[in-house]
Amino acid sequence: VVERISTFPGLEASASVVLDQLTVNEYPRGVGLS
């Protein structure tokens, strides 16, 4: 997933995407985000 992100539209072609934090959220039905 991280490798594929480097080709994401809107990113500068020469820019390298460095990501070092991942949060996984599980939302039951009806639960949202403030």
PDB file of all heavy atoms in Angstrom:
ATOM      1  N   VAL A   1       0.839  -1.198   0.000  1.00  0.00           N
ATOM      2  CA  VAL A   1       0.000   0.000   0.000  1.00  0.00           C
ATOM      3  C   VAL A   1       0.873   1.246   0.000  1.00  0.00           C
ATOM      4  O   VAL A   1       0.644   2.198  -0.761  1.00  0.00           O
ATOM      5  CB  VAL A   1      -0.944   0.009   1.218  1.00  0.00           C
ATOM      6  CG1 VAL A   1      -1.701   1.336   1.316  1.00  0.00           C
ATOM      7  CG2 VAL A   1      -1.920  -1.154   1.138  1.00  0.00           C
ATOM      8  N   VAL A   2       1.911   1.250   0.850  1.00  0.00           N
ATOM      9  CA  VAL A   2       2.812   2.404   0.937  1.00  0.00           C
ATOM     10  C   VAL A   2       3.544   2.606  -0.387  1.00  0.00           C
ATOM     11  O   VAL A   2       3.709   3.746  -0.854  1.00  0.00           O
ATOM     12  CB  VAL A   2       3.812   2.217   2.093  1.00  0.00           C
ATOM     13  CG1 VAL A   2       4.853   3.327   2.088  1.00  0.00           C
ATOM     14  CG2 VAL A   2       3.076   2.196   3.429  1.00  0.00           C
ATOM     15  N   GLU A   3       3.974   1.519  -1.020  1.00  0.00           N
ATOM     16  CA  GLU A   3       4.658   1.635  -2.311  1.00  0.00           C
ATOM     17  C   GLU A   3       3.739   2.243  -3.362  1.00  0.00           C
ATOM     18  O   GLU A   3       4.153   3.085  -4.163  1.00  0.00           O
ATOM     19  CB  GLU A   3       5.142   0.252  -2.767  1.00  0.00           C
ATOM     20  CG  GLU A   3       6.291  -0.305  -1.933  1.00  0.00           C
ATOM     21  CD  GLU A   3       6.666  -1.711  -2.378  1.00  0.00           C
ATOM     22  OE1 GLU A   3       6.155  -2.156  -3.427  1.00  0.00           O
ATOM     23  OE2 GLU A   3       7.462  -2.356  -1.677  1.00  0.00           O
ATOM     24  N   ARG A   4       2.499   1.839  -3.381  1.00  0.00           N
ATOM     25  CA  ARG A   4       1.541   2.322  -4.377  1.00  0.00           C
ATOM     26  C   ARG A   4       1.201   3.796  -4.167  1.00  0.00           C
ATOM     27  O   ARG A   4       0.862   4.505  -5.102  1.00  0.00           O
ATOM     28  CB  ARG A   4       0.276   1.472  -4.317  1.00  0.00           C
ATOM     29  CG  ARG A   4      -0.549   1.462  -5.591  1.00  0.00           C
ATOM     30  CD  ARG A   4      -1.658   0.430  -5.485  1.00  0.00           C
ATOM     31  NE  ARG A   4      -1.140  -0.894  -5.149  1.00  0.00           N
ATOM     32  CZ  ARG A   4      -1.868  -1.901  -4.693  1.00  0.00           C
ATOM     33  NH1 ARG A   4      -3.154  -1.725  -4.492  1.00  0.00           N
ATOM     34  NH2 ARG A   4      -1.322  -3.067  -4.432  1.00  0.00           N
ATOM     35  N   ILE A   5       1.301   4.252  -2.931  1.00  0.00           N
ATOM     36  CA  ILE A   5       0.975   5.646  -2.628  1.00  0.00           C
ATOM     37  C   ILE A   5       1.880   6.613  -3.380  1.00  0.00           C
ATOM     38  O   ILE A   5       1.459   7.730  -3.724  1.00  0.00           O
ATOM     39  CB  ILE A   5       1.067   5.875  -1.103  1.00  0.00           C
ATOM     40  CG1 ILE A   5      -0.220   5.386  -0.417  1.00  0.00           C
ATOM     41  CG2 ILE A   5       1.323   7.341  -0.763  1.00  0.00           C
ATOM     42  CD1 ILE A   5      -0.200   5.481   1.094  1.00  0.00           C
ATOM     43  N   SER A   6       3.100   6.208  -3.679  1.00  0.00           N
ATOM     44  CA  SER A   6       4.047   7.112  -4.349  1.00  0.00           C
ATOM     45  C   SER A   6       3.565   7.554  -5.716  1.00  0.00           C
ATOM     46  O   SER A   6       4.045   8.552  -6.258  1.00  0.00           O
ATOM     47  CB  SER A   6       5.417   6.438  -4.468  1.00  0.00           C
ATOM     48  OG  SER A   6       5.325   5.273  -5.291  1.00  0.00           O
ATOM     49  N   THR A   7       2.615   6.840  -6.309  1.00  0.00           N
ATOM     50  CA  THR A   7       2.081   7.201  -7.628  1.00  0.00           C
ATOM     51  C   THR A   7       0.738   7.915  -7.514  1.00  0.00           C
ATOM     52  O   THR A   7       0.044   8.087  -8.510  1.00  0.00           O
ATOM     53  CB  THR A   7       1.913   5.943  -8.496  1.00  0.00           C
ATOM     54  OG1 THR A   7       0.946   5.059  -7.884  1.00  0.00           O
ATOM     55  CG2 THR A   7       3.228   5.207  -8.644  1.00  0.00           C
ATOM     56  N   PHE A   8       0.367   8.334  -6.321  1.00  0.00           N
ATOM     57  CA  PHE A   8      -0.942   8.939  -6.093  1.00  0.00           C
ATOM     58  C   PHE A   8      -1.054  10.274  -6.817  1.00  0.00           C
ATOM     59  O   PHE A   8      -0.129  11.083  -6.794  1.00  0.00           O
ATOM     60  CB  PHE A   8      -1.152   9.153  -4.586  1.00  0.00           C
ATOM     61  CG  PHE A   8      -2.590   9.218  -4.169  1.00  0.00           C
ATOM     62  CD1 PHE A   8      -3.247   8.096  -3.710  1.00  0.00           C
ATOM     63  CD2 PHE A   8      -3.298  10.407  -4.236  1.00  0.00           C
ATOM     64  CE1 PHE A   8      -4.572   8.148  -3.316  1.00  0.00           C
ATOM     65  CE2 PHE A   8      -4.618  10.476  -3.848  1.00  0.00           C
ATOM     66  CZ  PHE A   8      -5.261   9.339  -3.384  1.00  0.00           C
ATOM     67  N   PRO A   9      -2.195  10.534  -7.491  1.00  0.00           N
ATOM     68  CA  PRO A   9      -2.401  11.838  -8.136  1.00  0.00           C
ATOM     69  C   PRO A   9      -2.324  12.971  -7.125  1.00  0.00           C
ATOM     70  O   PRO A   9      -2.719  12.823  -5.968  1.00  0.00           O
ATOM     71  CB  PRO A   9      -3.822  11.731  -8.717  1.00  0.00           C
ATOM     72  CG  PRO A   9      -4.088  10.280  -8.820  1.00  0.00           C
ATOM     73  CD  PRO A   9      -3.332   9.635  -7.700  1.00  0.00           C
ATOM     74  N   GLY A  10      -1.795  14.110  -7.559  1.00  0.00           N
ATOM     75  CA  GLY A  10      -1.689  15.254  -6.675  1.00  0.00           C
ATOM     76  C   GLY A  10      -0.328  15.384  -6.034  1.00  0.00           C
ATOM     77  O   GLY A  10       0.002  16.425  -5.474  1.00  0.00           O
ATOM     78  N   LEU A  11       0.486  14.322  -6.115  1.00  0.00           N
ATOM     79  CA  LEU A  11       1.839  14.383  -5.565  1.00  0.00           C
ATOM     80  C   LEU A  11       2.812  14.815  -6.643  1.00  0.00           C
ATOM     81  O   LEU A  11       2.667  14.454  -7.811  1.00  0.00           O
ATOM     82  CB  LEU A  11       2.253  13.018  -5.012  1.00  0.00           C
ATOM     83  CG  LEU A  11       1.371  12.418  -3.914  1.00  0.00           C
ATOM     84  CD1 LEU A  11       1.915  11.052  -3.515  1.00  0.00           C
ATOM     85  CD2 LEU A  11       1.310  13.332  -2.716  1.00  0.00           C
ATOM     86  N   GLU A  12       3.801  15.594  -6.257  1.00  0.00           N
ATOM     87  CA  GLU A  12       4.829  15.978  -7.216  1.00  0.00           C
ATOM     88  C   GLU A  12       5.604  14.742  -7.639  1.00  0.00           C
ATOM     89  O   GLU A  12       5.940  13.888  -6.826  1.00  0.00           O
ATOM     90  CB  GLU A  12       5.775  17.004  -6.589  1.00  0.00           C
ATOM     91  CG  GLU A  12       5.103  18.333  -6.239  1.00  0.00           C
ATOM     92  CD  GLU A  12       6.087  19.315  -5.657  1.00  0.00           C
ATOM     93  OE1 GLU A  12       7.299  19.026  -5.695  1.00  0.00           O
ATOM     94  OE2 GLU A  12       5.652  20.376  -5.173  1.00  0.00           O
ATOM     95  N   ALA A  13       5.883  14.662  -8.942  1.00  0.00           N
ATOM     96  CA  ALA A  13       6.538  13.463  -9.482  1.00  0.00           C
ATOM     97  C   ALA A  13       7.893  13.208  -8.816  1.00  0.00           C
ATOM     98  O   ALA A  13       8.304  12.062  -8.626  1.00  0.00           O
ATOM     99  CB  ALA A  13       6.712  13.604 -10.993  1.00  0.00           C
ATOM    100  N   SER A  14       8.587  14.279  -8.451  1.00  0.00           N
ATOM    101  CA  SER A  14       9.927  14.121  -7.877  1.00  0.00           C
ATOM    102  C   SER A  14       9.902  13.935  -6.365  1.00  0.00           C
ATOM    103  O   SER A  14      10.922  13.651  -5.746  1.00  0.00           O
ATOM    104  CB  SER A  14      10.773  15.356  -8.212  1.00  0.00           C
ATOM    105  OG  SER A  14      10.155  16.529  -7.695  1.00  0.00           O
ATOM    106  N   ALA A  15       8.726  14.125  -5.764  1.00  0.00           N
ATOM    107  CA  ALA A  15       8.645  14.058  -4.302  1.00  0.00           C
ATOM    108  C   ALA A  15       8.600  12.606  -3.836  1.00  0.00           C
ATOM    109  O   ALA A  15       7.876  11.783  -4.383  1.00  0.00           O
ATOM    110  CB  ALA A  15       7.408  14.805  -3.817  1.00  0.00           C
ATOM    111  N   SER A  16       9.378  12.297  -2.809  1.00  0.00           N
ATOM    112  CA  SER A  16       9.343  10.971  -2.217  1.00  0.00           C
ATOM    113  C   SER A  16       8.414  11.015  -1.008  1.00  0.00           C
ATOM    114  O   SER A  16       8.488  11.932  -0.186  1.00  0.00           O
ATOM    115  CB  SER A  16      10.738  10.523  -1.786  1.00  0.00           C
ATOM    116  OG  SER A  16      11.283  11.430  -0.846  1.00  0.00           O
ATOM    117  N   VAL A  17       7.533  10.032  -0.913  1.00  0.00           N
ATOM    118  CA  VAL A  17       6.575   9.986   0.177  1.00  0.00           C
ATOM    119  C   VAL A  17       7.144   9.129   1.304  1.00  0.00           C
ATOM    120  O   VAL A  17       7.401   7.938   1.122  1.00  0.00           O
ATOM    121  CB  VAL A  17       5.224   9.414  -0.297  1.00  0.00           C
ATOM    122  CG1 VAL A  17       4.236   9.366   0.852  1.00  0.00           C
ATOM    123  CG2 VAL A  17       4.669  10.252  -1.438  1.00  0.00           C
ATOM    124  N   VAL A  18       7.351   9.747   2.451  1.00  0.00           N
ATOM    125  CA  VAL A  18       7.858   9.038   3.622  1.00  0.00           C
ATOM    126  C   VAL A  18       6.739   8.993   4.654  1.00  0.00           C
ATOM    127  O   VAL A  18       6.219  10.030   5.062  1.00  0.00           O
ATOM    128  CB  VAL A  18       9.100   9.738   4.215  1.00  0.00           C
ATOM    129  CG1 VAL A  18       9.568   8.998   5.465  1.00  0.00           C
ATOM    130  CG2 VAL A  18      10.213   9.814   3.174  1.00  0.00           C
ATOM    131  N   LEU A  19       6.356   7.796   5.061  1.00  0.00           N
ATOM    132  CA  LEU A  19       5.293   7.610   6.042  1.00  0.00           C
ATOM    133  C   LEU A  19       5.816   6.719   7.158  1.00  0.00           C
ATOM    134  O   LEU A  19       6.446   5.691   6.891  1.00  0.00           O
ATOM    135  CB  LEU A  19       4.062   6.970   5.385  1.00  0.00           C
ATOM    136  CG  LEU A  19       3.461   7.755   4.204  1.00  0.00           C
ATOM    137  CD1 LEU A  19       2.457   6.895   3.452  1.00  0.00           C
ATOM    138  CD2 LEU A  19       2.810   9.038   4.695  1.00  0.00           C
ATOM    139  N   ASP A  20       5.569   7.107   8.401  1.00  0.00           N
ATOM    140  CA  ASP A  20       6.109   6.322   9.519  1.00  0.00           C
ATOM    141  C   ASP A  20       5.101   6.085  10.641  1.00  0.00           C
ATOM    142  O   ASP A  20       5.465   5.603  11.712  1.00  0.00           O
ATOM    143  CB  ASP A  20       7.373   6.975  10.076  1.00  0.00           C
ATOM    144  CG  ASP A  20       7.143   8.397  10.596  1.00  0.00           C
ATOM    145  OD1 ASP A  20       5.976   8.834  10.671  1.00  0.00           O
ATOM    146  OD2 ASP A  20       8.144   9.084  10.905  1.00  0.00           O
ATOM    147  N   GLN A  21       3.829   6.443  10.415  1.00  0.00           N
ATOM    148  CA  GLN A  21       2.823   6.236  11.458  1.00  0.00           C
ATOM    149  C   GLN A  21       1.531   5.717  10.836  1.00  0.00           C
ATOM    150  O   GLN A  21       1.074   6.233   9.819  1.00  0.00           O
ATOM    151  CB  GLN A  21       2.556   7.542  12.212  1.00  0.00           C
ATOM    152  CG  GLN A  21       1.853   7.377  13.564  1.00  0.00           C
ATOM    153  CD  GLN A  21       0.328   7.294  13.471  1.00  0.00           C
ATOM    154  OE1 GLN A  21      -0.270   7.829  12.547  1.00  0.00           O
ATOM    155  NE2 GLN A  21      -0.291   6.617  14.446  1.00  0.00           N
ATOM    156  N   LEU A  22       0.986   4.672  11.421  1.00  0.00           N
ATOM    157  CA  LEU A  22      -0.257   4.066  10.938  1.00  0.00           C
ATOM    158  C   LEU A  22      -1.219   3.903  12.104  1.00  0.00           C
ATOM    159  O   LEU A  22      -0.860   3.352  13.150  1.00  0.00           O
ATOM    160  CB  LEU A  22       0.023   2.693  10.311  1.00  0.00           C
ATOM    161  CG  LEU A  22      -1.191   1.778  10.069  1.00  0.00           C
ATOM    162  CD1 LEU A  22      -2.137   2.375   9.036  1.00  0.00           C
ATOM    163  CD2 LEU A  22      -0.732   0.383   9.628  1.00  0.00           C
ATOM    164  N   THR A  23      -2.427   4.406  11.924  1.00  0.00           N
ATOM    165  CA  THR A  23      -3.501   4.149  12.882  1.00  0.00           C
ATOM    166  C   THR A  23      -4.606   3.391  12.157  1.00  0.00           C
ATOM    167  O   THR A  23      -5.080   3.827  11.106  1.00  0.00           O
ATOM    168  CB  THR A  23      -4.073   5.452  13.464  1.00  0.00           C
ATOM    169  OG1 THR A  23      -3.068   6.084  14.260  1.00  0.00           O
ATOM    170  CG2 THR A  23      -5.279   5.163  14.352  1.00  0.00           C
ATOM    171  N   VAL A  24      -5.003   2.253  12.709  1.00  0.00           N
ATOM    172  CA  VAL A  24      -6.092   1.451  12.168  1.00  0.00           C
ATOM    173  C   VAL A  24      -7.304   1.660  13.074  1.00  0.00           C
ATOM    174  O   VAL A  24      -7.217   1.442  14.287  1.00  0.00           O
ATOM    175  CB  VAL A  24      -5.728  -0.043  12.102  1.00  0.00           C
ATOM    176  CG1 VAL A  24      -6.878  -0.848  11.491  1.00  0.00           C
ATOM    177  CG2 VAL A  24      -4.451  -0.245  11.294  1.00  0.00           C
ATOM    178  N   ASN A  25      -8.404   2.107  12.501  1.00  0.00           N
ATOM    179  CA  ASN A  25      -9.642   2.321  13.249  1.00  0.00           C
ATOM    180  C   ASN A  25     -10.705   1.346  12.771  1.00  0.00           C
ATOM    181  O   ASN A  25     -10.888   1.181  11.558  1.00  0.00           O
ATOM    182  CB  ASN A  25     -10.169   3.740  13.035  1.00  0.00           C
ATOM    183  CG  ASN A  25      -9.431   4.767  13.860  1.00  0.00           C
ATOM    184  OD1 ASN A  25      -9.660   4.909  15.054  1.00  0.00           O
ATOM    185  ND2 ASN A  25      -8.524   5.498  13.220  1.00  0.00           N
ATOM    186  N   GLU A  26     -11.418   0.736  13.694  1.00  0.00           N
ATOM    187  CA  GLU A  26     -12.573  -0.088  13.355  1.00  0.00           C
ATOM    188  C   GLU A  26     -13.838   0.596  13.887  1.00  0.00           C
ATOM    189  O   GLU A  26     -13.988   0.797  15.086  1.00  0.00           O
ATOM    190  CB  GLU A  26     -12.464  -1.479  13.970  1.00  0.00           C
ATOM    191  CG  GLU A  26     -13.649  -2.369  13.586  1.00  0.00           C
ATOM    192  CD  GLU A  26     -13.727  -3.631  14.430  1.00  0.00           C
ATOM    193  OE1 GLU A  26     -13.784  -3.512  15.675  1.00  0.00           O
ATOM    194  OE2 GLU A  26     -13.722  -4.729  13.855  1.00  0.00           O
ATOM    195  N   TYR A  27     -14.721   0.953  12.946  1.00  0.00           N
ATOM    196  CA  TYR A  27     -15.973   1.621  13.296  1.00  0.00           C
ATOM    197  C   TYR A  27     -17.137   0.643  13.167  1.00  0.00           C
ATOM    198  O   TYR A  27     -17.422   0.179  12.060  1.00  0.00           O
ATOM    199  CB  TYR A  27     -16.236   2.806  12.363  1.00  0.00           C
ATOM    200  CG  TYR A  27     -15.158   3.867  12.347  1.00  0.00           C
ATOM    201  CD1 TYR A  27     -14.074   3.772  11.478  1.00  0.00           C
ATOM    202  CD2 TYR A  27     -15.242   4.965  13.188  1.00  0.00           C
ATOM    203  CE1 TYR A  27     -13.094   4.753  11.454  1.00  0.00           C
ATOM    204  CE2 TYR A  27     -14.268   5.953  13.172  1.00  0.00           C
ATOM    205  CZ  TYR A  27     -13.202   5.841  12.307  1.00  0.00           C
ATOM    206  OH  TYR A  27     -12.225   6.814  12.277  1.00  0.00           O
ATOM    207  N   PRO A  28     -17.833   0.308  14.252  1.00  0.00           N
ATOM    208  CA  PRO A  28     -19.065  -0.473  14.114  1.00  0.00           C
ATOM    209  C   PRO A  28     -20.122   0.361  13.399  1.00  0.00           C
ATOM    210  O   PRO A  28     -20.001   1.592  13.288  1.00  0.00           O
ATOM    211  CB  PRO A  28     -19.471  -0.750  15.574  1.00  0.00           C
ATOM    212  CG  PRO A  28     -18.255  -0.489  16.388  1.00  0.00           C
ATOM    213  CD  PRO A  28     -17.493   0.568  15.654  1.00  0.00           C
ATOM    214  N   ARG A  29     -21.168  -0.308  12.909  1.00  0.00           N
ATOM    215  CA  ARG A  29     -22.238   0.404  12.206  1.00  0.00           C
ATOM    216  C   ARG A  29     -22.819   1.504  13.101  1.00  0.00           C
ATOM    217  O   ARG A  29     -23.138   1.277  14.259  1.00  0.00           O
ATOM    218  CB  ARG A  29     -23.343  -0.554  11.786  1.00  0.00           C
ATOM    219  CG  ARG A  29     -24.504   0.151  11.078  1.00  0.00           C
ATOM    220  CD  ARG A  29     -25.590  -0.810  10.669  1.00  0.00           C
ATOM    221  NE  ARG A  29     -25.180  -1.629   9.555  1.00  0.00           N
ATOM    222  CZ  ARG A  29     -25.300  -2.944   9.503  1.00  0.00           C
ATOM    223  NH1 ARG A  29     -25.819  -3.591  10.534  1.00  0.00           N
ATOM    224  NH2 ARG A  29     -24.918  -3.608   8.443  1.00  0.00           N
ATOM    225  N   GLY A  30     -22.943   2.702  12.549  1.00  0.00           N
ATOM    226  CA  GLY A  30     -23.524   3.819  13.281  1.00  0.00           C
ATOM    227  C   GLY A  30     -22.524   4.690  14.000  1.00  0.00           C
ATOM    228  O   GLY A  30     -22.859   5.775  14.468  1.00  0.00           O
ATOM    229  N   VAL A  31     -21.269   4.243  14.112  1.00  0.00           N
ATOM    230  CA  VAL A  31     -20.242   5.017  14.812  1.00  0.00           C
ATOM    231  C   VAL A  31     -19.459   5.846  13.805  1.00  0.00           C
ATOM    232  O   VAL A  31     -19.044   5.351  12.755  1.00  0.00           O
ATOM    233  CB  VAL A  31     -19.284   4.091  15.596  1.00  0.00           C
ATOM    234  CG1 VAL A  31     -18.135   4.890  16.204  1.00  0.00           C
ATOM    235  CG2 VAL A  31     -20.051   3.356  16.681  1.00  0.00           C
ATOM    236  N   GLY A  32     -19.266   7.111  14.131  1.00  0.00           N
ATOM    237  CA  GLY A  32     -18.548   8.014  13.244  1.00  0.00           C
ATOM    238  C   GLY A  32     -17.294   8.565  13.895  1.00  0.00           C
ATOM    239  O   GLY A  32     -16.692   7.943  14.780  1.00  0.00           O
ATOM    240  N   LEU A  33     -16.928   9.768  13.472  1.00  0.00           N
ATOM    241  CA  LEU A  33     -15.700  10.411  13.925  1.00  0.00           C
ATOM    242  C   LEU A  33     -16.009  11.881  14.173  1.00  0.00           C
ATOM    243  O   LEU A  33     -16.638  12.539  13.341  1.00  0.00           O
ATOM    244  CB  LEU A  33     -14.616  10.273  12.854  1.00  0.00           C
ATOM    245  CG  LEU A  33     -13.209  10.798  13.160  1.00  0.00           C
ATOM    246  CD1 LEU A  33     -12.588  10.006  14.307  1.00  0.00           C
ATOM    247  CD2 LEU A  33     -12.339  10.706  11.910  1.00  0.00           C
ATOM    248  N   SER A  34     -15.583  12.421  15.310  1.00  0.00           N
ATOM    249  CA  SER A  34     -15.878  13.808  15.651  1.00  0.00           C
ATOM    250  C   SER A  34     -15.086  14.772  14.770  1.00  0.00           C
ATOM    251  O   SER A  34     -13.984  14.445  14.317  1.00  0.00           O
ATOM    252  CB  SER A  34     -15.549  14.067  17.128  1.00  0.00           C
ATOM    253  OG  SER A  34     -16.321  13.232  17.969  1.00  0.00           O
TER     254      SER A  34
END
